Amino acid sequence: MTNIFTIVIAWFFSSLHPFHVSVCDVDFDADSKSVQISQRIFLDDFEKALNEKFEISLIIDDESTKDYRDSLIQVYLFENLNVIVDGKEKKRVYIGNEIEDDAMWCYMEYEGIKKYKTLEITSKILLETFDDQANIIHFTYGDYEKSIKLDKLKSTGSFTPGN
């Protein structure tokens, strides 16, 4: 009886599929006139996505490949994360990244934004790699805060402060 119970439990846990999620903080900074992006992605998921996209075998936390890794990350982020302000694209700058435990924080900034009515964000982060990928976007503009979930079915969302 114990063997049957063990087999059933083992089967149950082996059939579970891990949930894939990233978190993106989008903050408007009135002083610097910019929208600042902080994107958190789990290392193993990000490594898989980069390796598949660029057909390489990169170990993401290997510091000996930092410069090469950073250029790939910038290309990946610019292709998969975009912000439109009041219907217009703005200049964006890749600031860098840092590894924290089992995740990587990536930083970008959209410059020259005094204020705006609507901000639209498209996040396709890891969507090509994982069918169950969810990208949680936390948006802050002064006292206004809102969060949305983007995924394969809906990869674009918008924020209108005050509404």
N, C-alpha and C. Protein backbone atom coordinates (compact mmCIF):
# COMPACT_ATOMS: atom_id res chain seq x y z
N MET A 1 0.82 -1.19 0.00
CA MET A 1 0.00 0.00 0.00
C MET A 1 0.87 1.26 0.00
N THR A 2 1.96 1.25 0.78
CA THR A 2 2.86 2.39 0.83
C THR A 2 3.48 2.65 -0.54
N ASN A 3 3.82 1.58 -1.27
CA ASN A 3 4.41 1.74 -2.60
C ASN A 3 3.43 2.40 -3.57
N ILE A 4 2.16 2.02 -3.50
CA ILE A 4 1.15 2.61 -4.37
C ILE A 4 1.00 4.09 -4.03
N PHE A 5 0.95 4.42 -2.74
CA PHE A 5 0.85 5.82 -2.32
C PHE A 5 2.04 6.62 -2.82
N THR A 6 3.24 6.07 -2.71
CA THR A 6 4.46 6.74 -3.18
C THR A 6 4.41 6.96 -4.68
N ILE A 7 3.95 5.96 -5.41
CA ILE A 7 3.87 6.09 -6.86
C ILE A 7 2.86 7.17 -7.25
N VAL A 8 1.70 7.18 -6.60
CA VAL A 8 0.68 8.19 -6.89
C VAL A 8 1.19 9.59 -6.58
N ILE A 9 1.84 9.78 -5.45
CA ILE A 9 2.39 11.09 -5.08
C ILE A 9 3.47 11.51 -6.08
N ALA A 10 4.36 10.60 -6.43
CA ALA A 10 5.42 10.91 -7.40
C ALA A 10 4.83 11.30 -8.75
N TRP A 11 3.80 10.57 -9.19
CA TRP A 11 3.16 10.89 -10.46
C TRP A 11 2.51 12.27 -10.39
N PHE A 12 1.84 12.56 -9.28
CA PHE A 12 1.16 13.84 -9.13
C PHE A 12 2.15 15.00 -9.23
N PHE A 13 3.25 14.93 -8.50
CA PHE A 13 4.21 16.02 -8.51
C PHE A 13 4.98 16.12 -9.82
N SER A 14 5.20 15.00 -10.48
CA SER A 14 5.90 15.06 -11.76
C SER A 14 5.01 15.62 -12.86
N SER A 15 3.69 15.54 -12.67
CA SER A 15 2.78 16.07 -13.69
C SER A 15 2.54 17.57 -13.54
N LEU A 16 2.94 18.14 -12.42
CA LEU A 16 2.78 19.59 -12.24
C LEU A 16 3.71 20.33 -13.17
N HIS A 17 3.21 21.38 -13.77
CA HIS A 17 4.03 22.19 -14.65
C HIS A 17 4.37 23.48 -13.91
N PRO A 18 5.63 23.89 -13.91
CA PRO A 18 5.97 25.12 -13.19
C PRO A 18 5.30 26.32 -13.84
N PHE A 19 5.01 27.29 -13.01
CA PHE A 19 4.40 28.54 -13.48
C PHE A 19 5.53 29.50 -13.82
N HIS A 20 5.43 30.16 -14.96
CA HIS A 20 6.47 31.08 -15.41
C HIS A 20 5.94 32.51 -15.33
N VAL A 21 6.69 33.35 -14.61
CA VAL A 21 6.24 34.73 -14.41
C VAL A 21 7.44 35.67 -14.37
N SER A 22 7.23 36.88 -14.88
CA SER A 22 8.20 37.96 -14.73
C SER A 22 7.45 39.15 -14.15
N VAL A 23 8.21 40.07 -13.57
CA VAL A 23 7.61 41.26 -12.98
C VAL A 23 8.33 42.48 -13.54
N CYS A 24 7.53 43.46 -13.93
CA CYS A 24 8.08 44.69 -14.50
C CYS A 24 7.52 45.89 -13.74
N ASP A 25 8.40 46.72 -13.19
CA ASP A 25 7.99 47.96 -12.53
C ASP A 25 8.18 49.10 -13.53
N VAL A 26 7.14 49.87 -13.75
CA VAL A 26 7.17 51.00 -14.66
C VAL A 26 6.86 52.25 -13.84
N ASP A 27 7.85 53.13 -13.70
CA ASP A 27 7.70 54.31 -12.85
C ASP A 27 7.98 55.58 -13.64
N PHE A 28 7.07 56.55 -13.52
CA PHE A 28 7.30 57.86 -14.11
C PHE A 28 8.05 58.71 -13.11
N ASP A 29 9.18 59.28 -13.54
CA ASP A 29 9.98 60.16 -12.69
C ASP A 29 9.90 61.57 -13.28
N ALA A 30 9.11 62.43 -12.64
CA ALA A 30 8.91 63.79 -13.13
C ALA A 30 10.20 64.60 -13.11
N ASP A 31 11.05 64.38 -12.11
CA ASP A 31 12.30 65.14 -12.00
C ASP A 31 13.24 64.88 -13.19
N SER A 32 13.39 63.61 -13.56
CA SER A 32 14.28 63.28 -14.68
C SER A 32 13.54 63.24 -16.01
N LYS A 33 12.22 63.49 -15.97
CA LYS A 33 11.39 63.46 -17.17
C LYS A 33 11.57 62.15 -17.94
N SER A 34 11.38 61.05 -17.21
CA SER A 34 11.59 59.75 -17.82
C SER A 34 10.65 58.69 -17.24
N VAL A 35 10.49 57.64 -18.00
CA VAL A 35 9.80 56.45 -17.53
C VAL A 35 10.89 55.40 -17.29
N GLN A 36 10.97 54.93 -16.07
CA GLN A 36 12.01 53.98 -15.69
C GLN A 36 11.42 52.58 -15.60
N ILE A 37 12.12 51.63 -16.20
CA ILE A 37 11.68 50.24 -16.27
C ILE A 37 12.63 49.37 -15.48
N SER A 38 12.09 48.56 -14.58
CA SER A 38 12.86 47.54 -13.86
C SER A 38 12.17 46.21 -14.12
N GLN A 39 12.84 45.33 -14.85
CA GLN A 39 12.26 44.07 -15.28
C GLN A 39 12.95 42.92 -14.54
N ARG A 40 12.16 42.11 -13.81
CA ARG A 40 12.71 40.96 -13.07
C ARG A 40 12.33 39.67 -13.80
N ILE A 41 13.37 38.87 -14.13
CA ILE A 41 13.17 37.62 -14.87
C ILE A 41 13.98 36.53 -14.17
N PHE A 42 13.37 35.37 -13.96
CA PHE A 42 14.11 34.26 -13.35
C PHE A 42 15.25 33.83 -14.26
N LEU A 43 16.42 33.57 -13.67
CA LEU A 43 17.61 33.26 -14.44
C LEU A 43 17.45 32.06 -15.36
N ASP A 44 16.90 30.95 -14.84
CA ASP A 44 16.81 29.75 -15.67
C ASP A 44 15.86 29.96 -16.85
N ASP A 45 14.78 30.69 -16.64
CA ASP A 45 13.85 30.97 -17.73
C ASP A 45 14.48 31.90 -18.77
N PHE A 46 15.16 32.93 -18.29
CA PHE A 46 15.80 33.90 -19.18
C PHE A 46 16.92 33.25 -19.98
N GLU A 47 17.70 32.42 -19.31
CA GLU A 47 18.78 31.71 -19.97
C GLU A 47 18.24 30.84 -21.11
N LYS A 48 17.16 30.13 -20.84
CA LYS A 48 16.55 29.28 -21.87
C LYS A 48 16.08 30.12 -23.06
N ALA A 49 15.42 31.25 -22.78
CA ALA A 49 14.92 32.11 -23.85
C ALA A 49 16.06 32.68 -24.70
N LEU A 50 17.12 33.15 -24.05
CA LEU A 50 18.26 33.70 -24.79
C LEU A 50 18.95 32.63 -25.63
N ASN A 51 19.13 31.46 -25.06
CA ASN A 51 19.79 30.38 -25.79
C ASN A 51 18.97 29.93 -27.00
N GLU A 52 17.66 29.87 -26.85
CA GLU A 52 16.81 29.49 -27.99
C GLU A 52 16.80 30.57 -29.05
N LYS A 53 16.64 31.83 -28.64
CA LYS A 53 16.55 32.93 -29.61
C LYS A 53 17.84 33.10 -30.41
N PHE A 54 18.96 33.09 -29.71
CA PHE A 54 20.24 33.37 -30.36
C PHE A 54 21.00 32.10 -30.77
N GLU A 55 20.39 30.93 -30.52
CA GLU A 55 20.99 29.64 -30.86
C GLU A 55 22.42 29.54 -30.32
N ILE A 56 22.53 29.74 -29.02
CA ILE A 56 23.81 29.70 -28.33
C ILE A 56 23.68 28.80 -27.10
N SER A 57 24.77 28.71 -26.36
CA SER A 57 24.76 27.97 -25.09
C SER A 57 25.37 28.86 -24.02
N LEU A 58 24.62 29.87 -23.62
CA LEU A 58 25.07 30.88 -22.67
C LEU A 58 24.70 30.46 -21.25
N ILE A 59 25.63 30.61 -20.34
CA ILE A 59 25.34 30.47 -18.91
C ILE A 59 25.22 31.89 -18.38
N ILE A 60 24.01 32.27 -18.05
CA ILE A 60 23.70 33.68 -17.80
C ILE A 60 24.44 34.29 -16.61
N ASP A 61 24.76 33.49 -15.60
CA ASP A 61 25.45 34.06 -14.44
C ASP A 61 26.97 33.84 -14.49
N ASP A 62 27.50 33.51 -15.66
CA ASP A 62 28.95 33.37 -15.85
C ASP A 62 29.52 34.76 -16.13
N GLU A 63 30.24 35.32 -15.17
CA GLU A 63 30.76 36.69 -15.29
C GLU A 63 31.79 36.84 -16.41
N SER A 64 32.39 35.75 -16.87
CA SER A 64 33.38 35.85 -17.94
C SER A 64 32.72 36.22 -19.28
N THR A 65 31.41 36.07 -19.39
CA THR A 65 30.69 36.41 -20.62
C THR A 65 29.82 37.66 -20.45
N LYS A 66 30.08 38.45 -19.42
CA LYS A 66 29.21 39.58 -19.07
C LYS A 66 28.97 40.54 -20.22
N ASP A 67 30.01 41.00 -20.92
CA ASP A 67 29.83 41.98 -22.00
C ASP A 67 28.98 41.39 -23.13
N TYR A 68 29.30 40.17 -23.53
CA TYR A 68 28.55 39.48 -24.58
C TYR A 68 27.11 39.26 -24.14
N ARG A 69 26.93 38.78 -22.92
CA ARG A 69 25.60 38.55 -22.35
C ARG A 69 24.79 39.84 -22.32
N ASP A 70 25.39 40.93 -21.89
CA ASP A 70 24.68 42.19 -21.78
C ASP A 70 24.20 42.70 -23.14
N SER A 71 25.01 42.51 -24.19
CA SER A 71 24.57 42.94 -25.52
C SER A 71 23.40 42.10 -26.00
N LEU A 72 23.40 40.80 -25.70
CA LEU A 72 22.26 39.94 -26.07
C LEU A 72 21.01 40.32 -25.29
N ILE A 73 21.17 40.62 -24.02
CA ILE A 73 20.03 41.02 -23.18
C ILE A 73 19.42 42.30 -23.70
N GLN A 74 20.25 43.27 -24.08
CA GLN A 74 19.73 44.53 -24.62
C GLN A 74 18.91 44.28 -25.89
N VAL A 75 19.44 43.48 -26.80
CA VAL A 75 18.70 43.17 -28.03
C VAL A 75 17.39 42.49 -27.69
N TYR A 76 17.43 41.52 -26.79
CA TYR A 76 16.22 40.78 -26.41
C TYR A 76 15.17 41.72 -25.81
N LEU A 77 15.59 42.57 -24.88
CA LEU A 77 14.64 43.48 -24.24
C LEU A 77 14.05 44.48 -25.24
N PHE A 78 14.88 45.03 -26.11
CA PHE A 78 14.38 46.00 -27.08
C PHE A 78 13.40 45.36 -28.06
N GLU A 79 13.54 44.06 -28.32
CA GLU A 79 12.61 43.37 -29.21
C GLU A 79 11.33 42.94 -28.49
N ASN A 80 11.38 42.76 -27.18
CA ASN A 80 10.27 42.15 -26.46
C ASN A 80 9.59 43.03 -25.41
N LEU A 81 10.09 44.22 -25.20
CA LEU A 81 9.48 45.12 -24.22
C LEU A 81 9.48 46.53 -24.81
N ASN A 82 8.29 47.08 -24.98
CA ASN A 82 8.21 48.38 -25.62
C ASN A 82 7.16 49.25 -24.93
N VAL A 83 7.46 50.54 -24.87
CA VAL A 83 6.55 51.52 -24.28
C VAL A 83 6.23 52.58 -25.32
N ILE A 84 4.95 52.88 -25.45
CA ILE A 84 4.48 53.94 -26.35
C ILE A 84 3.82 55.00 -25.46
N VAL A 85 4.22 56.26 -25.63
CA VAL A 85 3.70 57.35 -24.81
C VAL A 85 2.83 58.25 -25.68
N ASP A 86 1.56 58.35 -25.32
CA ASP A 86 0.59 59.15 -26.09
C ASP A 86 0.67 58.84 -27.59
N GLY A 87 0.80 57.57 -27.91
CA GLY A 87 0.81 57.12 -29.30
C GLY A 87 2.14 57.28 -30.02
N LYS A 88 3.19 57.70 -29.30
CA LYS A 88 4.48 57.94 -29.95
C LYS A 88 5.58 57.13 -29.27
N GLU A 89 6.50 56.62 -30.09
CA GLU A 89 7.67 55.95 -29.52
C GLU A 89 8.65 57.01 -29.00
N LYS A 90 9.29 56.68 -27.91
CA LYS A 90 10.27 57.59 -27.32
C LYS A 90 11.64 56.92 -27.30
N LYS A 91 12.68 57.73 -27.16
CA LYS A 91 14.04 57.20 -27.09
C LYS A 91 14.18 56.37 -25.82
N ARG A 92 14.76 55.18 -25.97
CA ARG A 92 14.99 54.33 -24.80
C ARG A 92 16.47 54.02 -24.67
N VAL A 93 16.85 53.82 -23.43
CA VAL A 93 18.25 53.55 -23.11
C VAL A 93 18.30 52.30 -22.23
N TYR A 94 19.16 51.38 -22.60
CA TYR A 94 19.40 50.20 -21.76
C TYR A 94 20.44 50.61 -20.72
N ILE A 95 20.10 50.49 -19.46
CA ILE A 95 21.00 50.93 -18.39
C ILE A 95 21.89 49.80 -17.92
N GLY A 96 21.35 48.59 -17.80
CA GLY A 96 22.16 47.47 -17.36
C GLY A 96 21.31 46.44 -16.63
N ASN A 97 22.00 45.57 -15.89
CA ASN A 97 21.29 44.52 -15.17
C ASN A 97 22.09 44.12 -13.95
N GLU A 98 21.43 43.38 -13.07
CA GLU A 98 22.11 42.81 -11.91
C GLU A 98 21.41 41.51 -11.53
N ILE A 99 22.21 40.58 -11.04
CA ILE A 99 21.68 39.30 -10.61
C ILE A 99 21.41 39.36 -9.12
N GLU A 100 20.21 38.93 -8.75
CA GLU A 100 19.80 38.90 -7.35
C GLU A 100 19.20 37.52 -7.07
N ASP A 101 19.93 36.70 -6.33
CA ASP A 101 19.50 35.34 -6.02
C ASP A 101 19.27 34.56 -7.32
N ASP A 102 18.04 34.11 -7.57
CA ASP A 102 17.75 33.30 -8.75
C ASP A 102 17.08 34.10 -9.87
N ALA A 103 17.26 35.42 -9.85
CA ALA A 103 16.62 36.27 -10.86
C ALA A 103 17.59 37.36 -11.33
N MET A 104 17.24 37.96 -12.44
CA MET A 104 18.00 39.08 -12.97
C MET A 104 17.07 40.28 -13.06
N TRP A 105 17.56 41.42 -12.59
CA TRP A 105 16.87 42.69 -12.77
C TRP A 105 17.52 43.38 -13.96
N CYS A 106 16.71 43.81 -14.93
CA CYS A 106 17.20 44.55 -16.09
C CYS A 106 16.57 45.94 -16.05
N TYR A 107 17.37 46.94 -16.41
CA TYR A 107 16.92 48.33 -16.27
C TYR A 107 16.99 49.06 -17.61
N MET A 108 15.89 49.76 -17.92
CA MET A 108 15.82 50.61 -19.11
C MET A 108 15.16 51.92 -18.72
N GLU A 109 15.33 52.90 -19.58
CA GLU A 109 14.72 54.20 -19.31
C GLU A 109 14.27 54.82 -20.64
N TYR A 110 13.08 55.41 -20.61
CA TYR A 110 12.57 56.18 -21.75
C TYR A 110 12.69 57.64 -21.36
N GLU A 111 13.43 58.40 -22.18
CA GLU A 111 13.77 59.77 -21.82
C GLU A 111 12.89 60.80 -22.53
N GLY A 112 12.94 62.03 -22.00
CA GLY A 112 12.28 63.16 -22.63
C GLY A 112 10.76 63.15 -22.51
N ILE A 113 10.27 62.73 -21.36
CA ILE A 113 8.82 62.65 -21.15
C ILE A 113 8.45 63.58 -20.00
N LYS A 114 7.83 64.70 -20.33
CA LYS A 114 7.46 65.67 -19.28
C LYS A 114 6.24 65.19 -18.51
N LYS A 115 5.22 64.81 -19.23
CA LYS A 115 4.03 64.21 -18.66
C LYS A 115 3.28 63.57 -19.82
N TYR A 116 2.25 62.82 -19.50
CA TYR A 116 1.52 62.16 -20.57
C TYR A 116 0.13 61.77 -20.09
N LYS A 117 -0.70 61.44 -21.07
CA LYS A 117 -2.06 61.01 -20.77
C LYS A 117 -2.16 59.49 -20.73
N THR A 118 -1.54 58.83 -21.71
CA THR A 118 -1.64 57.37 -21.80
C THR A 118 -0.28 56.76 -22.11
N LEU A 119 0.01 55.70 -21.39
CA LEU A 119 1.22 54.93 -21.62
C LEU A 119 0.78 53.51 -21.99
N GLU A 120 1.29 53.02 -23.11
CA GLU A 120 0.98 51.67 -23.57
C GLU A 120 2.24 50.83 -23.48
N ILE A 121 2.13 49.66 -22.88
CA ILE A 121 3.30 48.79 -22.76
C ILE A 121 2.99 47.44 -23.39
N THR A 122 3.96 46.97 -24.18
CA THR A 122 3.89 45.64 -24.77
C THR A 122 5.02 44.83 -24.16
N SER A 123 4.66 43.70 -23.55
CA SER A 123 5.67 42.81 -22.97
C SER A 123 5.49 41.42 -23.55
N LYS A 124 6.46 41.03 -24.37
CA LYS A 124 6.49 39.68 -24.94
C LYS A 124 7.60 38.86 -24.29
N ILE A 125 8.04 39.31 -23.12
CA ILE A 125 9.13 38.64 -22.39
C ILE A 125 8.76 37.18 -22.17
N LEU A 126 9.59 36.29 -22.67
CA LEU A 126 9.49 34.83 -22.50
C LEU A 126 8.25 34.20 -23.12
N LEU A 127 7.42 34.96 -23.82
CA LEU A 127 6.19 34.39 -24.38
C LEU A 127 6.48 33.36 -25.46
N GLU A 128 7.59 33.51 -26.17
CA GLU A 128 7.93 32.54 -27.21
C GLU A 128 8.53 31.27 -26.63
N THR A 129 8.91 31.31 -25.37
CA THR A 129 9.57 30.18 -24.72
C THR A 129 8.60 29.34 -23.89
N PHE A 130 7.67 29.99 -23.21
CA PHE A 130 6.76 29.29 -22.30
C PHE A 130 5.30 29.65 -22.61
N ASP A 131 4.49 28.63 -22.85
CA ASP A 131 3.07 28.86 -23.15
C ASP A 131 2.31 29.47 -21.98
N ASP A 132 2.75 29.17 -20.76
CA ASP A 132 2.04 29.67 -19.57
C ASP A 132 2.67 30.94 -18.99
N GLN A 133 3.56 31.57 -19.72
CA GLN A 133 4.25 32.76 -19.22
C GLN A 133 3.26 33.88 -18.91
N ALA A 134 3.43 34.51 -17.76
CA ALA A 134 2.66 35.69 -17.37
C ALA A 134 3.64 36.80 -17.04
N ASN A 135 3.37 37.98 -17.55
CA ASN A 135 4.20 39.15 -17.28
C ASN A 135 3.36 40.15 -16.50
N ILE A 136 3.72 40.34 -15.24
CA ILE A 136 3.00 41.25 -14.36
C ILE A 136 3.65 42.63 -14.46
N ILE A 137 2.83 43.63 -14.75
CA ILE A 137 3.32 45.00 -14.90
C ILE A 137 2.74 45.84 -13.76
N HIS A 138 3.64 46.45 -12.98
CA HIS A 138 3.24 47.37 -11.91
C HIS A 138 3.59 48.78 -12.38
N PHE A 139 2.60 49.65 -12.41
CA PHE A 139 2.76 50.99 -12.95
C PHE A 139 2.55 52.03 -11.85
N THR A 140 3.45 53.01 -11.80
CA THR A 140 3.33 54.09 -10.82
C THR A 140 3.54 55.44 -11.51
N TYR A 141 2.62 56.37 -11.23
CA TYR A 141 2.70 57.75 -11.73
C TYR A 141 2.22 58.62 -10.58
N GLY A 142 3.16 59.14 -9.79
CA GLY A 142 2.78 59.90 -8.60
C GLY A 142 2.04 58.99 -7.63
N ASP A 143 0.82 59.38 -7.27
CA ASP A 143 0.00 58.57 -6.36
C ASP A 143 -0.79 57.48 -7.08
N TYR A 144 -0.81 57.53 -8.40
CA TYR A 144 -1.56 56.56 -9.19
C TYR A 144 -0.76 55.26 -9.33
N GLU A 145 -1.39 54.16 -8.98
CA GLU A 145 -0.75 52.84 -9.12
C GLU A 145 -1.75 51.88 -9.73
N LYS A 146 -1.25 51.02 -10.62
CA LYS A 146 -2.09 50.02 -11.25
C LYS A 146 -1.21 48.85 -11.66
N SER A 147 -1.77 47.65 -11.60
CA SER A 147 -1.06 46.45 -12.04
C SER A 147 -1.92 45.70 -13.03
N ILE A 148 -1.27 45.11 -14.02
CA ILE A 148 -1.97 44.27 -15.00
C ILE A 148 -1.14 43.03 -15.28
N LYS A 149 -1.80 42.02 -15.82
CA LYS A 149 -1.13 40.79 -16.22
C LYS A 149 -1.20 40.68 -17.74
N LEU A 150 -0.04 40.50 -18.35
CA LEU A 150 0.04 40.29 -19.79
C LEU A 150 0.50 38.86 -20.05
N ASP A 151 0.02 38.29 -21.16
CA ASP A 151 0.39 36.92 -21.51
C ASP A 151 0.27 36.74 -23.02
N LYS A 152 0.27 35.48 -23.49
CA LYS A 152 0.21 35.23 -24.94
C LYS A 152 -1.07 35.76 -25.56
N LEU A 153 -2.16 35.71 -24.83
CA LEU A 153 -3.44 36.17 -25.37
C LEU A 153 -3.55 37.69 -25.38
N LYS A 154 -2.89 38.33 -24.44
CA LYS A 154 -2.92 39.80 -24.35
C LYS A 154 -1.54 40.27 -23.91
N SER A 155 -0.74 40.73 -24.87
CA SER A 155 0.63 41.14 -24.55
C SER A 155 0.80 42.65 -24.46
N THR A 156 -0.30 43.39 -24.63
CA THR A 156 -0.24 44.85 -24.55
C THR A 156 -1.31 45.36 -23.59
N GLY A 157 -0.92 46.31 -22.77
CA GLY A 157 -1.85 46.95 -21.85
C GLY A 157 -1.56 48.44 -21.80
N SER A 158 -2.51 49.21 -21.27
CA SER A 158 -2.28 50.65 -21.19
C SER A 158 -2.65 51.19 -19.81
N PHE A 159 -2.05 52.34 -19.52
CA PHE A 159 -2.26 53.02 -18.25
C PHE A 159 -2.62 54.46 -18.55
N THR A 160 -3.68 54.92 -17.91
CA THR A 160 -4.09 56.31 -18.02
C THR A 160 -4.21 56.85 -16.60
N PRO A 161 -3.18 57.54 -16.12
CA PRO A 161 -3.22 58.05 -14.75
C PRO A 161 -4.45 58.91 -14.51
N GLY A 162 -5.08 58.68 -13.36
CA GLY A 162 -6.27 59.42 -13.01
C GLY A 162 -7.56 58.74 -13.43
N ASN A 163 -7.46 57.69 -14.23
CA ASN A 163 -8.66 56.94 -14.66
C ASN A 163 -8.63 55.53 -14.12
